[in-house]
PDB file of all heavy atoms in Angstrom:
ATOM      1  N   LEU A   1       0.707  10.254  11.411  1.00  0.00           N
ATOM      2  CA  LEU A   1       0.377  10.438  10.005  1.00  0.00           C
ATOM      3  C   LEU A   1      -0.212   9.126   9.510  1.00  0.00           C
ATOM      4  O   LEU A   1       0.400   8.066   9.657  1.00  0.00           O
ATOM      5  CB  LEU A   1       1.638  10.791   9.204  1.00  0.00           C
ATOM      6  CG  LEU A   1       1.455  10.966   7.704  1.00  0.00           C
ATOM      7  CD1 LEU A   1       0.574  12.182   7.406  1.00  0.00           C
ATOM      8  CD2 LEU A   1       2.812  11.113   7.018  1.00  0.00           C
ATOM      9  N   TYR A   2      -1.411   9.188   8.938  1.00  0.00           N
ATOM     10  CA  TYR A   2      -2.111   8.004   8.453  1.00  0.00           C
ATOM     11  C   TYR A   2      -2.135   8.028   6.928  1.00  0.00           C
ATOM     12  O   TYR A   2      -2.680   8.949   6.331  1.00  0.00           O
ATOM     13  CB  TYR A   2      -3.537   7.963   9.007  1.00  0.00           C
ATOM     14  CG  TYR A   2      -3.562   7.936  10.514  1.00  0.00           C
ATOM     15  CD1 TYR A   2      -3.657   9.114  11.250  1.00  0.00           C
ATOM     16  CD2 TYR A   2      -3.456   6.736  11.205  1.00  0.00           C
ATOM     17  CE1 TYR A   2      -3.650   9.096  12.636  1.00  0.00           C
ATOM     18  CE2 TYR A   2      -3.459   6.704  12.592  1.00  0.00           C
ATOM     19  CZ  TYR A   2      -3.550   7.888  13.298  1.00  0.00           C
ATOM     20  OH  TYR A   2      -3.545   7.861  14.676  1.00  0.00           O
ATOM     21  N   LEU A   3      -1.523   7.024   6.332  1.00  0.00           N
ATOM     22  CA  LEU A   3      -1.511   6.869   4.878  1.00  0.00           C
ATOM     23  C   LEU A   3      -2.569   5.817   4.560  1.00  0.00           C
ATOM     24  O   LEU A   3      -2.363   4.614   4.790  1.00  0.00           O
ATOM     25  CB  LEU A   3      -0.121   6.431   4.398  1.00  0.00           C
ATOM     26  CG  LEU A   3       0.964   7.466   4.681  1.00  0.00           C
ATOM     27  CD1 LEU A   3       1.808   7.042   5.867  1.00  0.00           C
ATOM     28  CD2 LEU A   3       1.801   7.698   3.471  1.00  0.00           C
ATOM     29  N   ILE A   4      -3.708   6.275   4.079  1.00  0.00           N
ATOM     30  CA  ILE A   4      -4.880   5.420   3.942  1.00  0.00           C
ATOM     31  C   ILE A   4      -5.032   4.969   2.491  1.00  0.00           C
ATOM     32  O   ILE A   4      -5.048   5.778   1.572  1.00  0.00           O
ATOM     33  CB  ILE A   4      -6.143   6.172   4.407  1.00  0.00           C
ATOM     34  CG1 ILE A   4      -5.937   6.667   5.845  1.00  0.00           C
ATOM     35  CG2 ILE A   4      -7.378   5.286   4.286  1.00  0.00           C
ATOM     36  CD1 ILE A   4      -6.964   7.675   6.320  1.00  0.00           C
ATOM     37  N   HIS A   5      -5.142   3.659   2.338  1.00  0.00           N
ATOM     38  CA  HIS A   5      -5.356   3.027   1.032  1.00  0.00           C
ATOM     39  C   HIS A   5      -6.720   2.351   1.084  1.00  0.00           C
ATOM     40  O   HIS A   5      -6.986   1.562   1.987  1.00  0.00           O
ATOM     41  CB  HIS A   5      -4.277   1.977   0.758  1.00  0.00           C
ATOM     42  CG  HIS A   5      -2.897   2.544   0.725  1.00  0.00           C
ATOM     43  ND1 HIS A   5      -2.238   2.794  -0.449  1.00  0.00           N
ATOM     44  CD2 HIS A   5      -2.045   2.907   1.718  1.00  0.00           C
ATOM     45  CE1 HIS A   5      -1.038   3.278  -0.188  1.00  0.00           C
ATOM     46  NE2 HIS A   5      -0.902   3.367   1.122  1.00  0.00           N
ATOM     47  N   VAL A   6      -7.579   2.648   0.108  1.00  0.00           N
ATOM     48  CA  VAL A   6      -8.957   2.172   0.138  1.00  0.00           C
ATOM     49  C   VAL A   6      -9.220   1.278  -1.066  1.00  0.00           C
ATOM     50  O   VAL A   6      -8.797   1.578  -2.186  1.00  0.00           O
ATOM     51  CB  VAL A   6      -9.949   3.364   0.111  1.00  0.00           C
ATOM     52  CG1 VAL A   6     -11.386   2.881   0.178  1.00  0.00           C
ATOM     53  CG2 VAL A   6      -9.653   4.330   1.245  1.00  0.00           C
ATOM     54  N   LYS A   7      -9.957   0.191  -0.830  1.00  0.00           N
ATOM     55  CA  LYS A   7     -10.363  -0.690  -1.921  1.00  0.00           C
ATOM     56  C   LYS A   7     -11.764  -1.198  -1.636  1.00  0.00           C
ATOM     57  O   LYS A   7     -12.127  -1.468  -0.500  1.00  0.00           O
ATOM     58  CB  LYS A   7      -9.390  -1.862  -2.041  1.00  0.00           C
ATOM     59  CG  LYS A   7      -9.494  -2.663  -3.318  1.00  0.00           C
ATOM     60  CD  LYS A   7      -9.216  -1.883  -4.569  1.00  0.00           C
ATOM     61  CE  LYS A   7      -7.757  -1.797  -4.896  1.00  0.00           C
ATOM     62  NZ  LYS A   7      -7.425  -0.993  -6.035  1.00  0.00           N
ATOM     63  N   SER A   8     -12.534  -1.315  -2.685  1.00  0.00           N
ATOM     64  CA  SER A   8     -13.889  -1.854  -2.590  1.00  0.00           C
ATOM     65  C   SER A   8     -13.830  -3.349  -2.891  1.00  0.00           C
ATOM     66  O   SER A   8     -13.273  -3.758  -3.911  1.00  0.00           O
ATOM     67  CB  SER A   8     -14.792  -1.138  -3.594  1.00  0.00           C
ATOM     68  OG  SER A   8     -16.098  -1.639  -3.531  1.00  0.00           O
ATOM     69  N   GLY A   9     -14.360  -4.150  -1.994  1.00  0.00           N
ATOM     70  CA  GLY A   9     -14.411  -5.595  -2.196  1.00  0.00           C
ATOM     71  C   GLY A   9     -13.259  -6.310  -1.515  1.00  0.00           C
ATOM     72  O   GLY A   9     -12.186  -5.756  -1.314  1.00  0.00           O
ATOM     73  N   PHE A  10     -13.528  -7.548  -1.149  1.00  0.00           N
ATOM     74  CA  PHE A  10     -12.515  -8.383  -0.499  1.00  0.00           C
ATOM     75  C   PHE A  10     -12.324  -9.615  -1.370  1.00  0.00           C
ATOM     76  O   PHE A  10     -12.903 -10.662  -1.140  1.00  0.00           O
ATOM     77  CB  PHE A  10     -12.958  -8.768   0.914  1.00  0.00           C
ATOM     78  CG  PHE A  10     -11.879  -9.414   1.729  1.00  0.00           C
ATOM     79  CD1 PHE A  10     -10.970  -8.633   2.414  1.00  0.00           C
ATOM     80  CD2 PHE A  10     -11.765 -10.789   1.805  1.00  0.00           C
ATOM     81  CE1 PHE A  10      -9.967  -9.216   3.168  1.00  0.00           C
ATOM     82  CE2 PHE A  10     -10.768 -11.383   2.561  1.00  0.00           C
ATOM     83  CZ  PHE A  10      -9.866 -10.597   3.244  1.00  0.00           C
ATOM     84  N   GLY A  11     -11.544  -9.436  -2.420  1.00  0.00           N
ATOM     85  CA  GLY A  11     -11.304 -10.526  -3.363  1.00  0.00           C
ATOM     86  C   GLY A  11      -9.947 -10.351  -4.006  1.00  0.00           C
ATOM     87  O   GLY A  11      -8.984  -9.917  -3.365  1.00  0.00           O
ATOM     88  N   ASN A  12      -9.862 -10.642  -5.298  1.00  0.00           N
ATOM     89  CA  ASN A  12      -8.592 -10.564  -6.026  1.00  0.00           C
ATOM     90  C   ASN A  12      -7.976  -9.170  -5.988  1.00  0.00           C
ATOM     91  O   ASN A  12      -6.762  -9.030  -6.071  1.00  0.00           O
ATOM     92  CB  ASN A  12      -8.785 -10.989  -7.485  1.00  0.00           C
ATOM     93  CG  ASN A  12      -9.104 -12.455  -7.593  1.00  0.00           C
ATOM     94  OD1 ASN A  12      -8.869 -13.227  -6.669  1.00  0.00           O
ATOM     95  ND2 ASN A  12      -9.642 -12.849  -8.724  1.00  0.00           N
ATOM     96  N   THR A  13      -8.809  -8.129  -5.874  1.00  0.00           N
ATOM     97  CA  THR A  13      -8.279  -6.759  -5.845  1.00  0.00           C
ATOM     98  C   THR A  13      -7.429  -6.492  -4.605  1.00  0.00           C
ATOM     99  O   THR A  13      -6.636  -5.561  -4.597  1.00  0.00           O
ATOM    100  CB  THR A  13      -9.411  -5.721  -5.912  1.00  0.00           C
ATOM    101  OG1 THR A  13     -10.299  -5.938  -4.817  1.00  0.00           O
ATOM    102  CG2 THR A  13     -10.178  -5.808  -7.217  1.00  0.00           C
ATOM    103  N   MET A  14      -7.579  -7.317  -3.575  1.00  0.00           N
ATOM    104  CA  MET A  14      -6.766  -7.156  -2.366  1.00  0.00           C
ATOM    105  C   MET A  14      -5.289  -7.368  -2.670  1.00  0.00           C
ATOM    106  O   MET A  14      -4.430  -6.752  -2.055  1.00  0.00           O
ATOM    107  CB  MET A  14      -7.226  -8.132  -1.280  1.00  0.00           C
ATOM    108  CG  MET A  14      -8.536  -7.745  -0.639  1.00  0.00           C
ATOM    109  SD  MET A  14      -8.485  -6.125   0.124  1.00  0.00           S
ATOM    110  CE  MET A  14      -7.237  -6.396   1.340  1.00  0.00           C
ATOM    111  N   ARG A  15      -5.005  -8.234  -3.622  1.00  0.00           N
ATOM    112  CA  ARG A  15      -3.606  -8.464  -4.008  1.00  0.00           C
ATOM    113  C   ARG A  15      -2.997  -7.159  -4.520  1.00  0.00           C
ATOM    114  O   ARG A  15      -1.879  -6.801  -4.159  1.00  0.00           O
ATOM    115  CB  ARG A  15      -3.544  -9.563  -5.071  1.00  0.00           C
ATOM    116  CG  ARG A  15      -2.166  -9.902  -5.518  1.00  0.00           C
ATOM    117  CD  ARG A  15      -2.113 -11.062  -6.486  1.00  0.00           C
ATOM    118  NE  ARG A  15      -3.343 -11.304  -7.188  1.00  0.00           N
ATOM    119  CZ  ARG A  15      -3.700 -12.473  -7.682  1.00  0.00           C
ATOM    120  NH1 ARG A  15      -2.916 -13.513  -7.549  1.00  0.00           N
ATOM    121  NH2 ARG A  15      -4.834 -12.616  -8.332  1.00  0.00           N
ATOM    122  N   ASP A  16      -3.760  -6.434  -5.351  1.00  0.00           N
ATOM    123  CA  ASP A  16      -3.287  -5.151  -5.876  1.00  0.00           C
ATOM    124  C   ASP A  16      -3.110  -4.128  -4.764  1.00  0.00           C
ATOM    125  O   ASP A  16      -2.115  -3.401  -4.728  1.00  0.00           O
ATOM    126  CB  ASP A  16      -4.253  -4.597  -6.925  1.00  0.00           C
ATOM    127  CG  ASP A  16      -4.379  -5.490  -8.138  1.00  0.00           C
ATOM    128  OD1 ASP A  16      -3.426  -6.244  -8.435  1.00  0.00           O
ATOM    129  OD2 ASP A  16      -5.439  -5.439  -8.794  1.00  0.00           O
ATOM    130  N   LEU A  17      -4.067  -4.049  -3.871  1.00  0.00           N
ATOM    131  CA  LEU A  17      -3.997  -3.086  -2.775  1.00  0.00           C
ATOM    132  C   LEU A  17      -2.819  -3.388  -1.856  1.00  0.00           C
ATOM    133  O   LEU A  17      -2.084  -2.477  -1.455  1.00  0.00           O
ATOM    134  CB  LEU A  17      -5.302  -3.079  -1.976  1.00  0.00           C
ATOM    135  CG  LEU A  17      -5.371  -2.101  -0.813  1.00  0.00           C
ATOM    136  CD1 LEU A  17      -5.199  -0.662  -1.282  1.00  0.00           C
ATOM    137  CD2 LEU A  17      -6.689  -2.252  -0.073  1.00  0.00           C
ATOM    138  N   CYS A  18      -2.624  -4.652  -1.539  1.00  0.00           N
ATOM    139  CA  CYS A  18      -1.499  -5.022  -0.677  1.00  0.00           C
ATOM    140  C   CYS A  18      -0.170  -4.683  -1.346  1.00  0.00           C
ATOM    141  O   CYS A  18       0.750  -4.194  -0.692  1.00  0.00           O
ATOM    142  CB  CYS A  18      -1.576  -6.507  -0.321  1.00  0.00           C
ATOM    143  SG  CYS A  18      -2.926  -6.901   0.815  1.00  0.00           S
ATOM    144  N   ALA A  19      -0.078  -4.919  -2.651  1.00  0.00           N
ATOM    145  CA  ALA A  19       1.147  -4.567  -3.391  1.00  0.00           C
ATOM    146  C   ALA A  19       1.357  -3.056  -3.369  1.00  0.00           C
ATOM    147  O   ALA A  19       2.484  -2.568  -3.185  1.00  0.00           O
ATOM    148  CB  ALA A  19       1.070  -5.082  -4.818  1.00  0.00           C
ATOM    149  N   GLN A  20       0.287  -2.299  -3.536  1.00  0.00           N
ATOM    150  CA  GLN A  20       0.375  -0.833  -3.528  1.00  0.00           C
ATOM    151  C   GLN A  20       0.898  -0.339  -2.180  1.00  0.00           C
ATOM    152  O   GLN A  20       1.770   0.531  -2.120  1.00  0.00           O
ATOM    153  CB  GLN A  20      -0.992  -0.234  -3.819  1.00  0.00           C
ATOM    154  CG  GLN A  20      -1.011   1.269  -3.856  1.00  0.00           C
ATOM    155  CD  GLN A  20      -2.416   1.831  -4.061  1.00  0.00           C
ATOM    156  OE1 GLN A  20      -3.413   1.119  -3.972  1.00  0.00           O
ATOM    157  NE2 GLN A  20      -2.492   3.106  -4.331  1.00  0.00           N
ATOM    158  N   ILE A  21       0.401  -0.879  -1.091  1.00  0.00           N
ATOM    159  CA  ILE A  21       0.846  -0.475   0.242  1.00  0.00           C
ATOM    160  C   ILE A  21       2.310  -0.861   0.446  1.00  0.00           C
ATOM    161  O   ILE A  21       3.111  -0.064   0.951  1.00  0.00           O
ATOM    162  CB  ILE A  21      -0.053  -1.090   1.334  1.00  0.00           C
ATOM    163  CG1 ILE A  21      -1.452  -0.481   1.252  1.00  0.00           C
ATOM    164  CG2 ILE A  21       0.554  -0.886   2.725  1.00  0.00           C
ATOM    165  CD1 ILE A  21      -2.481  -1.164   2.131  1.00  0.00           C
ATOM    166  N   SER A  22       2.671  -2.056   0.031  1.00  0.00           N
ATOM    167  CA  SER A  22       4.050  -2.513   0.165  1.00  0.00           C
ATOM    168  C   SER A  22       5.012  -1.605  -0.596  1.00  0.00           C
ATOM    169  O   SER A  22       6.058  -1.198  -0.057  1.00  0.00           O
ATOM    170  CB  SER A  22       4.164  -3.950  -0.359  1.00  0.00           C
ATOM    171  OG  SER A  22       5.501  -4.357  -0.400  1.00  0.00           O
ATOM    172  N   ILE A  23       4.682  -1.277  -1.815  1.00  0.00           N
ATOM    173  CA  ILE A  23       5.533  -0.405  -2.629  1.00  0.00           C
ATOM    174  C   ILE A  23       5.652   0.973  -1.990  1.00  0.00           C
ATOM    175  O   ILE A  23       6.745   1.539  -1.884  1.00  0.00           O
ATOM    176  CB  ILE A  23       4.992  -0.321  -4.071  1.00  0.00           C
ATOM    177  CG1 ILE A  23       5.168  -1.662  -4.775  1.00  0.00           C
ATOM    178  CG2 ILE A  23       5.668   0.809  -4.851  1.00  0.00           C
ATOM    179  CD1 ILE A  23       4.373  -1.796  -6.074  1.00  0.00           C
ATOM    180  N   SER A  24       4.543   1.512  -1.544  1.00  0.00           N
ATOM    181  CA  SER A  24       4.532   2.832  -0.904  1.00  0.00           C
ATOM    182  C   SER A  24       5.384   2.832   0.364  1.00  0.00           C
ATOM    183  O   SER A  24       6.207   3.732   0.571  1.00  0.00           O
ATOM    184  CB  SER A  24       3.089   3.223  -0.580  1.00  0.00           C
ATOM    185  OG  SER A  24       3.033   4.416   0.144  1.00  0.00           O
ATOM    186  N   ALA A  25       5.199   1.832   1.206  1.00  0.00           N
ATOM    187  CA  ALA A  25       5.944   1.765   2.465  1.00  0.00           C
ATOM    188  C   ALA A  25       7.438   1.608   2.205  1.00  0.00           C
ATOM    189  O   ALA A  25       8.258   2.301   2.827  1.00  0.00           O
ATOM    190  CB  ALA A  25       5.430   0.608   3.318  1.00  0.00           C
ATOM    191  N   ASN A  26       7.796   0.738   1.284  1.00  0.00           N
ATOM    192  CA  ASN A  26       9.209   0.536   0.971  1.00  0.00           C
ATOM    193  C   ASN A  26       9.833   1.800   0.378  1.00  0.00           C
ATOM    194  O   ASN A  26      10.975   2.137   0.688  1.00  0.00           O
ATOM    195  CB  ASN A  26       9.389  -0.652   0.025  1.00  0.00           C
ATOM    196  CG  ASN A  26       9.394  -1.970   0.779  1.00  0.00           C
ATOM    197  OD1 ASN A  26      10.294  -2.243   1.560  1.00  0.00           O
ATOM    198  ND2 ASN A  26       8.378  -2.780   0.555  1.00  0.00           N
ATOM    199  N   ARG A  27       9.072   2.511  -0.437  1.00  0.00           N
ATOM    200  CA  ARG A  27       9.607   3.744  -1.035  1.00  0.00           C
ATOM    201  C   ARG A  27       9.833   4.811   0.030  1.00  0.00           C
ATOM    202  O   ARG A  27      10.818   5.551  -0.013  1.00  0.00           O
ATOM    203  CB  ARG A  27       8.664   4.250  -2.141  1.00  0.00           C
ATOM    204  CG  ARG A  27       9.215   5.448  -2.899  1.00  0.00           C
ATOM    205  CD  ARG A  27      10.527   5.089  -3.598  1.00  0.00           C
ATOM    206  NE  ARG A  27      11.133   6.251  -4.230  1.00  0.00           N
ATOM    207  CZ  ARG A  27      12.053   7.024  -3.665  1.00  0.00           C
ATOM    208  NH1 ARG A  27      12.482   6.784  -2.437  1.00  0.00           N
ATOM    209  NH2 ARG A  27      12.557   8.049  -4.324  1.00  0.00           N
ATOM    210  N   LEU A  28       8.924   4.889   1.001  1.00  0.00           N
ATOM    211  CA  LEU A  28       9.113   5.862   2.088  1.00  0.00           C
ATOM    212  C   LEU A  28      10.305   5.487   2.971  1.00  0.00           C
ATOM    213  O   LEU A  28      11.023   6.368   3.438  1.00  0.00           O
ATOM    214  CB  LEU A  28       7.850   6.006   2.930  1.00  0.00           C
ATOM    215  CG  LEU A  28       6.777   6.913   2.369  1.00  0.00           C
ATOM    216  CD1 LEU A  28       5.603   7.017   3.337  1.00  0.00           C
ATOM    217  CD2 LEU A  28       7.314   8.294   2.050  1.00  0.00           C
ATOM    218  N   VAL A  29      10.513   4.202   3.197  1.00  0.00           N
ATOM    219  CA  VAL A  29      11.679   3.761   3.972  1.00  0.00           C
ATOM    220  C   VAL A  29      12.954   4.162   3.231  1.00  0.00           C
ATOM    221  O   VAL A  29      13.886   4.700   3.837  1.00  0.00           O
ATOM    222  CB  VAL A  29      11.627   2.238   4.230  1.00  0.00           C
ATOM    223  CG1 VAL A  29      12.963   1.720   4.756  1.00  0.00           C
ATOM    224  CG2 VAL A  29      10.515   1.903   5.214  1.00  0.00           C
ATOM    225  N   GLN A  30      13.000   3.937   1.929  1.00  0.00           N
ATOM    226  CA  GLN A  30      14.155   4.349   1.120  1.00  0.00           C
ATOM    227  C   GLN A  30      14.337   5.862   1.169  1.00  0.00           C
ATOM    228  O   GLN A  30      15.460   6.356   1.263  1.00  0.00           O
ATOM    229  CB  GLN A  30      13.979   3.941  -0.344  1.00  0.00           C
ATOM    230  CG  GLN A  30      14.086   2.480  -0.617  1.00  0.00           C
ATOM    231  CD  GLN A  30      13.761   2.175  -2.081  1.00  0.00           C
ATOM    232  OE1 GLN A  30      13.230   3.023  -2.811  1.00  0.00           O
ATOM    233  NE2 GLN A  30      14.063   0.968  -2.501  1.00  0.00           N
ATOM    234  N   ASP A  31      13.235   6.578   1.080  1.00  0.00           N
ATOM    235  CA  ASP A  31      13.266   8.041   1.063  1.00  0.00           C
ATOM    236  C   ASP A  31      13.851   8.599   2.355  1.00  0.00           C
ATOM    237  O   ASP A  31      14.585   9.582   2.342  1.00  0.00           O
ATOM    238  CB  ASP A  31      11.849   8.570   0.834  1.00  0.00           C
ATOM    239  CG  ASP A  31      11.819   9.982   0.278  1.00  0.00           C
ATOM    240  OD1 ASP A  31      12.672  10.314  -0.569  1.00  0.00           O
ATOM    241  OD2 ASP A  31      10.929  10.747   0.668  1.00  0.00           O
ATOM    242  N   ARG A  32      13.533   7.970   3.450  1.00  0.00           N
ATOM    243  CA  ARG A  32      14.029   8.419   4.757  1.00  0.00           C
ATOM    244  C   ARG A  32      15.542   8.210   4.867  1.00  0.00           C
ATOM    245  O   ARG A  32      16.245   9.007   5.475  1.00  0.00           O
ATOM    246  CB  ARG A  32      13.298   7.677   5.875  1.00  0.00           C
ATOM    247  CG  ARG A  32      13.655   8.176   7.264  1.00  0.00           C
ATOM    248  CD  ARG A  32      12.926   7.424   8.354  1.00  0.00           C
ATOM    249  NE  ARG A  32      13.398   6.052   8.403  1.00  0.00           N
ATOM    250  CZ  ARG A  32      12.609   4.970   8.432  1.00  0.00           C
ATOM    251  NH1 ARG A  32      11.313   5.093   8.421  1.00  0.00           N
ATOM    252  NH2 ARG A  32      13.124   3.768   8.487  1.00  0.00           N
ATOM    253  N   LYS A  33      16.034   7.129   4.250  1.00  0.00           N
ATOM    254  CA  LYS A  33      17.464   6.802   4.339  1.00  0.00           C
ATOM    255  C   LYS A  33      18.303   7.547   3.310  1.00  0.00           C
ATOM    256  O   LYS A  33      19.520   7.605   3.437  1.00  0.00           O
ATOM    257  CB  LYS A  33      17.653   5.296   4.143  1.00  0.00           C
ATOM    258  CG  LYS A  33      17.064   4.464   5.255  1.00  0.00           C
ATOM    259  CD  LYS A  33      17.234   2.989   4.969  1.00  0.00           C
ATOM    260  CE  LYS A  33      16.615   2.144   6.069  1.00  0.00           C
ATOM    261  NZ  LYS A  33      16.732   0.707   5.760  1.00  0.00           N
TER     262      LYS A  33
END
């Protein structure tokens, strides 16, 4: 299963995208437990 997060540009917006992935991954880990 591929959870794909897309962002245009490689700059300050990467901070937001990385945070979004982190939150999503942590929430799924919690959900599984």
